N, C-alpha and C. Protein backbone atom coordinates (compact mmCIF):
# COMPACT_ATOMS: atom_id res chain seq x y z
N MET A 1 84.54 93.67 178.26
CA MET A 1 83.23 93.81 177.64
C MET A 1 83.41 93.75 176.12
N GLU A 2 82.60 92.97 175.49
CA GLU A 2 82.63 92.84 174.03
C GLU A 2 81.96 94.04 173.37
N LEU A 3 82.35 94.30 172.14
CA LEU A 3 81.81 95.42 171.38
C LEU A 3 80.29 95.34 171.26
N GLN A 4 79.77 94.16 170.98
CA GLN A 4 78.33 93.98 170.80
C GLN A 4 77.57 94.29 172.09
N GLU A 5 78.14 93.90 173.21
CA GLU A 5 77.50 94.17 174.50
C GLU A 5 77.48 95.68 174.78
N ALA A 6 78.60 96.35 174.52
CA ALA A 6 78.67 97.80 174.71
C ALA A 6 77.67 98.51 173.81
N LEU A 7 77.58 98.05 172.57
CA LEU A 7 76.64 98.65 171.62
C LEU A 7 75.20 98.51 172.13
N GLU A 8 74.87 97.36 172.64
CA GLU A 8 73.50 97.13 173.14
C GLU A 8 73.18 98.04 174.32
N ILE A 9 74.14 98.22 175.22
CA ILE A 9 73.92 99.09 176.38
C ILE A 9 73.71 100.53 175.93
N VAL A 10 74.60 101.02 175.07
CA VAL A 10 74.49 102.41 174.60
C VAL A 10 73.20 102.60 173.80
N ARG A 11 72.84 101.61 173.00
CA ARG A 11 71.60 101.70 172.21
C ARG A 11 70.38 101.80 173.14
N ARG A 12 70.35 101.01 174.20
CA ARG A 12 69.22 101.07 175.14
C ARG A 12 69.15 102.44 175.81
N LEU A 13 70.31 102.96 176.23
CA LEU A 13 70.32 104.29 176.85
C LEU A 13 69.83 105.35 175.87
N ALA A 14 70.26 105.26 174.61
CA ALA A 14 69.82 106.22 173.59
C ALA A 14 68.32 106.11 173.36
N ASP A 15 67.77 104.93 173.54
CA ASP A 15 66.33 104.72 173.37
C ASP A 15 65.53 105.07 174.63
N GLY A 16 66.25 105.54 175.68
CA GLY A 16 65.56 105.93 176.92
C GLY A 16 65.21 104.76 177.81
N LEU A 17 65.96 103.68 177.70
CA LEU A 17 65.68 102.48 178.49
C LEU A 17 66.83 102.17 179.44
N HIS A 18 66.49 101.59 180.58
CA HIS A 18 67.52 101.14 181.53
C HIS A 18 68.21 99.94 180.88
N PRO A 19 69.55 99.94 180.83
CA PRO A 19 70.26 98.87 180.12
C PRO A 19 70.02 97.47 180.68
N ALA A 20 69.84 97.35 181.99
CA ALA A 20 69.68 96.03 182.59
C ALA A 20 68.24 95.56 182.61
N THR A 21 67.31 96.47 182.89
CA THR A 21 65.91 96.06 183.06
C THR A 21 65.06 96.28 181.82
N GLY A 22 65.47 97.21 180.96
CA GLY A 22 64.68 97.53 179.78
C GLY A 22 63.52 98.46 180.07
N GLN A 23 63.39 98.90 181.31
CA GLN A 23 62.30 99.81 181.67
C GLN A 23 62.65 101.23 181.23
N SER A 24 61.61 102.02 180.97
CA SER A 24 61.81 103.41 180.55
C SER A 24 62.48 104.20 181.67
N LEU A 25 63.41 105.06 181.27
CA LEU A 25 64.07 105.93 182.23
C LEU A 25 63.14 107.10 182.55
N PRO A 26 63.23 107.65 183.76
CA PRO A 26 62.39 108.80 184.11
C PRO A 26 62.68 109.99 183.20
N ASP A 27 61.68 110.83 182.98
CA ASP A 27 61.84 111.99 182.09
C ASP A 27 62.93 112.94 182.56
N ASP A 28 63.16 113.03 183.87
CA ASP A 28 64.17 113.97 184.37
C ASP A 28 65.57 113.35 184.46
N CYS A 29 65.73 112.15 183.93
CA CYS A 29 67.02 111.46 183.94
C CYS A 29 67.99 112.14 182.98
N LEU A 30 69.25 112.19 183.36
CA LEU A 30 70.28 112.81 182.53
C LEU A 30 70.29 112.22 181.11
N TYR A 31 70.09 110.93 180.98
CA TYR A 31 70.13 110.27 179.67
C TYR A 31 68.97 110.68 178.77
N GLN A 32 67.96 111.32 179.32
CA GLN A 32 66.81 111.77 178.54
C GLN A 32 67.00 113.20 178.00
N HIS A 33 68.06 113.88 178.45
CA HIS A 33 68.34 115.24 177.98
C HIS A 33 68.62 115.17 176.48
N PRO A 34 68.06 116.08 175.66
CA PRO A 34 68.22 116.02 174.21
C PRO A 34 69.67 115.92 173.73
N GLN A 35 70.58 116.68 174.35
CA GLN A 35 71.98 116.61 173.91
C GLN A 35 72.59 115.25 174.27
N ALA A 36 72.21 114.71 175.40
CA ALA A 36 72.71 113.40 175.79
C ALA A 36 72.19 112.33 174.84
N VAL A 37 70.93 112.43 174.45
CA VAL A 37 70.35 111.47 173.50
C VAL A 37 71.09 111.53 172.16
N ARG A 38 71.36 112.76 171.68
CA ARG A 38 72.10 112.91 170.41
C ARG A 38 73.51 112.33 170.53
N ALA A 39 74.17 112.61 171.65
CA ALA A 39 75.52 112.08 171.87
C ALA A 39 75.51 110.56 171.91
N LEU A 40 74.52 109.99 172.57
CA LEU A 40 74.41 108.53 172.63
C LEU A 40 74.15 107.95 171.25
N GLN A 41 73.35 108.63 170.44
CA GLN A 41 73.07 108.14 169.09
C GLN A 41 74.34 108.17 168.24
N HIS A 42 75.16 109.22 168.41
CA HIS A 42 76.45 109.26 167.71
C HIS A 42 77.34 108.10 168.16
N ALA A 43 77.31 107.80 169.46
CA ALA A 43 78.09 106.68 169.98
C ALA A 43 77.60 105.36 169.39
N VAL A 44 76.29 105.20 169.27
CA VAL A 44 75.72 103.99 168.65
C VAL A 44 76.21 103.87 167.21
N ASP A 45 76.15 104.96 166.45
CA ASP A 45 76.60 104.95 165.06
C ASP A 45 78.07 104.57 164.96
N ALA A 46 78.91 105.15 165.84
CA ALA A 46 80.34 104.86 165.82
C ALA A 46 80.61 103.39 166.17
N LEU A 47 79.92 102.87 167.16
CA LEU A 47 80.11 101.47 167.54
C LEU A 47 79.64 100.53 166.43
N GLU A 48 78.57 100.88 165.73
CA GLU A 48 78.10 100.05 164.62
C GLU A 48 79.13 100.05 163.49
N ARG A 49 79.71 101.22 163.17
CA ARG A 49 80.75 101.28 162.13
C ARG A 49 81.95 100.43 162.53
N GLN A 50 82.35 100.54 163.78
CA GLN A 50 83.48 99.76 164.26
C GLN A 50 83.19 98.26 164.14
N GLY A 51 81.98 97.87 164.47
CA GLY A 51 81.59 96.46 164.35
C GLY A 51 81.62 95.98 162.91
N ARG A 52 81.15 96.82 161.98
CA ARG A 52 81.20 96.43 160.56
C ARG A 52 82.64 96.27 160.09
N ARG A 53 83.52 97.19 160.49
CA ARG A 53 84.93 97.09 160.10
C ARG A 53 85.55 95.82 160.68
N HIS A 54 85.22 95.53 161.92
CA HIS A 54 85.76 94.35 162.58
C HIS A 54 85.30 93.07 161.86
N ARG A 55 84.01 93.02 161.53
CA ARG A 55 83.49 91.84 160.82
C ARG A 55 84.12 91.71 159.44
N ALA A 56 84.29 92.83 158.74
CA ALA A 56 84.89 92.80 157.41
C ALA A 56 86.33 92.32 157.49
N ARG A 57 87.06 92.79 158.48
CA ARG A 57 88.45 92.40 158.65
C ARG A 57 88.55 90.91 158.94
N ASN A 58 87.65 90.40 159.75
CA ASN A 58 87.69 88.98 160.12
C ASN A 58 87.21 88.07 158.99
N SER A 59 86.45 88.62 158.04
CA SER A 59 85.95 87.78 156.96
C SER A 59 86.89 87.77 155.76
N MET A 60 88.00 88.45 155.85
CA MET A 60 88.94 88.48 154.73
C MET A 60 89.55 87.10 154.51
N ALA A 61 89.89 86.86 153.27
CA ALA A 61 90.57 85.61 152.93
C ALA A 61 91.96 85.61 153.58
N PRO A 62 92.46 84.43 153.97
CA PRO A 62 93.75 84.37 154.67
C PRO A 62 94.91 85.04 153.95
N ASN A 63 94.92 85.02 152.63
CA ASN A 63 96.03 85.62 151.89
C ASN A 63 95.75 87.05 151.43
N SER A 64 94.65 87.64 151.89
CA SER A 64 94.34 89.02 151.52
C SER A 64 95.47 89.95 151.93
N GLY A 65 95.90 90.77 150.99
CA GLY A 65 96.95 91.74 151.28
C GLY A 65 98.36 91.20 151.18
N LYS A 66 98.51 89.91 151.07
CA LYS A 66 99.85 89.33 150.95
C LYS A 66 100.31 89.43 149.50
N PRO A 67 101.61 89.59 149.29
CA PRO A 67 102.10 89.67 147.91
C PRO A 67 101.95 88.33 147.19
N TRP A 68 101.78 88.42 145.88
CA TRP A 68 101.69 87.22 145.06
C TRP A 68 103.10 86.71 144.78
N THR A 69 103.25 85.40 144.80
CA THR A 69 104.55 84.80 144.48
C THR A 69 104.56 84.39 143.02
N ASP A 70 105.76 84.18 142.48
CA ASP A 70 105.88 83.72 141.09
C ASP A 70 105.19 82.36 140.92
N GLU A 71 105.33 81.50 141.93
CA GLU A 71 104.70 80.18 141.87
C GLU A 71 103.18 80.31 141.81
N GLU A 72 102.65 81.26 142.58
CA GLU A 72 101.20 81.47 142.57
C GLU A 72 100.74 81.97 141.21
N ASP A 73 101.53 82.86 140.60
CA ASP A 73 101.20 83.37 139.26
C ASP A 73 101.17 82.24 138.24
N VAL A 74 102.14 81.34 138.31
CA VAL A 74 102.19 80.20 137.39
C VAL A 74 100.96 79.32 137.60
N ARG A 75 100.66 79.03 138.86
CA ARG A 75 99.49 78.19 139.17
C ARG A 75 98.20 78.85 138.69
N LEU A 76 98.09 80.17 138.87
CA LEU A 76 96.91 80.90 138.41
C LEU A 76 96.77 80.79 136.90
N SER A 77 97.87 80.97 136.18
CA SER A 77 97.84 80.87 134.72
C SER A 77 97.40 79.47 134.27
N GLU A 78 97.91 78.45 134.95
CA GLU A 78 97.53 77.08 134.61
C GLU A 78 96.05 76.84 134.87
N GLU A 79 95.55 77.35 135.98
CA GLU A 79 94.14 77.18 136.31
C GLU A 79 93.25 77.88 135.29
N LEU A 80 93.67 79.04 134.83
CA LEU A 80 92.90 79.76 133.81
C LEU A 80 92.89 79.00 132.49
N ARG A 81 94.04 78.47 132.10
CA ARG A 81 94.11 77.69 130.85
C ARG A 81 93.22 76.46 130.92
N ARG A 82 93.13 75.89 132.10
CA ARG A 82 92.32 74.71 132.33
C ARG A 82 90.83 75.05 132.37
N GLY A 83 90.50 76.35 132.49
CA GLY A 83 89.10 76.77 132.51
C GLY A 83 88.45 76.69 133.88
N ALA A 84 89.26 76.77 134.92
CA ALA A 84 88.73 76.68 136.28
C ALA A 84 87.83 77.89 136.58
N ASP A 85 86.85 77.68 137.42
CA ASP A 85 85.92 78.72 137.86
C ASP A 85 86.66 79.70 138.77
N LEU A 86 86.32 80.99 138.68
CA LEU A 86 86.99 82.00 139.49
C LEU A 86 86.82 81.75 140.99
N HIS A 87 85.66 81.28 141.39
CA HIS A 87 85.43 81.00 142.82
C HIS A 87 86.32 79.84 143.29
N GLU A 88 86.49 78.85 142.43
CA GLU A 88 87.37 77.73 142.75
C GLU A 88 88.81 78.21 142.87
N ILE A 89 89.23 79.05 141.92
CA ILE A 89 90.60 79.59 141.95
C ILE A 89 90.81 80.40 143.23
N ALA A 90 89.83 81.23 143.57
CA ALA A 90 89.94 82.06 144.78
C ALA A 90 90.09 81.18 146.02
N ALA A 91 89.34 80.10 146.08
CA ALA A 91 89.42 79.20 147.23
C ALA A 91 90.80 78.54 147.32
N VAL A 92 91.32 78.11 146.18
CA VAL A 92 92.63 77.45 146.15
C VAL A 92 93.73 78.41 146.62
N HIS A 93 93.63 79.67 146.20
CA HIS A 93 94.66 80.66 146.53
C HIS A 93 94.39 81.37 147.86
N CYS A 94 93.27 81.05 148.50
CA CYS A 94 92.86 81.70 149.76
C CYS A 94 92.80 83.21 149.59
N ARG A 95 92.18 83.63 148.49
CA ARG A 95 92.00 85.05 148.18
C ARG A 95 90.56 85.26 147.72
N ARG A 96 90.17 86.52 147.62
CA ARG A 96 88.83 86.84 147.14
C ARG A 96 88.80 86.86 145.62
N VAL A 97 87.61 86.69 145.06
CA VAL A 97 87.44 86.68 143.61
C VAL A 97 87.95 87.99 143.01
N GLY A 98 87.66 89.11 143.65
CA GLY A 98 88.13 90.41 143.16
C GLY A 98 89.64 90.47 143.07
N SER A 99 90.32 89.86 144.02
CA SER A 99 91.78 89.81 144.01
C SER A 99 92.28 88.97 142.84
N ILE A 100 91.59 87.88 142.57
CA ILE A 100 91.97 87.01 141.44
C ILE A 100 91.81 87.78 140.13
N ILE A 101 90.70 88.48 139.97
CA ILE A 101 90.46 89.25 138.74
C ILE A 101 91.53 90.33 138.58
N ALA A 102 91.84 91.03 139.66
CA ALA A 102 92.87 92.08 139.59
C ALA A 102 94.22 91.50 139.21
N ARG A 103 94.54 90.32 139.73
CA ARG A 103 95.83 89.70 139.40
C ARG A 103 95.86 89.26 137.94
N ILE A 104 94.76 88.73 137.44
CA ILE A 104 94.69 88.33 136.03
C ILE A 104 94.95 89.55 135.15
N MET A 105 94.32 90.66 135.48
CA MET A 105 94.50 91.87 134.68
C MET A 105 95.96 92.34 134.73
N ARG A 106 96.56 92.27 135.90
CA ARG A 106 97.96 92.69 136.04
C ARG A 106 98.88 91.76 135.24
N LEU A 107 98.63 90.45 135.30
CA LEU A 107 99.45 89.50 134.54
C LEU A 107 99.30 89.73 133.04
N ARG A 108 98.08 90.00 132.59
CA ARG A 108 97.87 90.26 131.16
C ARG A 108 98.58 91.53 130.73
N GLN A 109 98.55 92.56 131.59
CA GLN A 109 99.24 93.81 131.27
C GLN A 109 100.74 93.56 131.17
N ARG A 110 101.27 92.73 132.07
CA ARG A 110 102.70 92.41 132.05
C ARG A 110 103.06 91.69 130.76
N VAL A 111 102.22 90.76 130.32
CA VAL A 111 102.48 90.03 129.08
C VAL A 111 102.47 90.98 127.89
N VAL A 112 101.49 91.87 127.83
CA VAL A 112 101.40 92.83 126.73
C VAL A 112 102.64 93.72 126.70
N THR A 113 103.07 94.19 127.86
CA THR A 113 104.25 95.06 127.95
C THR A 113 105.49 94.31 127.50
N GLU A 114 105.65 93.06 127.96
CA GLU A 114 106.82 92.28 127.59
C GLU A 114 106.82 91.96 126.10
N GLN A 115 105.65 91.68 125.53
CA GLN A 115 105.57 91.41 124.09
C GLN A 115 105.94 92.65 123.30
N GLY A 116 105.53 93.82 123.76
CA GLY A 116 105.87 95.07 123.09
C GLY A 116 107.36 95.32 123.09
N ARG A 117 108.05 94.95 124.14
CA ARG A 117 109.50 95.12 124.22
C ARG A 117 110.21 94.18 123.26
N LYS A 118 109.68 92.95 123.11
CA LYS A 118 110.31 91.97 122.22
C LYS A 118 110.17 92.39 120.76
N ILE A 119 109.04 93.00 120.43
CA ILE A 119 108.79 93.41 119.05
C ILE A 119 109.68 94.59 118.68
N ALA A 120 109.87 95.51 119.59
CA ALA A 120 110.63 96.74 119.29
C ALA A 120 112.09 96.49 119.08
């Protein structure tokens, strides 16, 4: 059973509906008990959170979380000098724009630190 299907079934039960027919459940049904309804609503919330995490994980760029290589750093520097758009750079490196910005900041910090050592 897929997550989305399970979510739909639990959501219908929490709403007081039969999962297959969509008809209202009888008032004396176990699923209509206030504690059961609250428990089902918590289950719906948990399944929705899990679905959001799953979608976020699947939408990550292929190189998300992978270490940057020296070659990638050189290519990034060249692309910046050339004036390439951040979205274009992110696509080329298979990373998100935020990752590109973070790497630029780290590279600049490294340059500043290395220049400080040369001066001293």
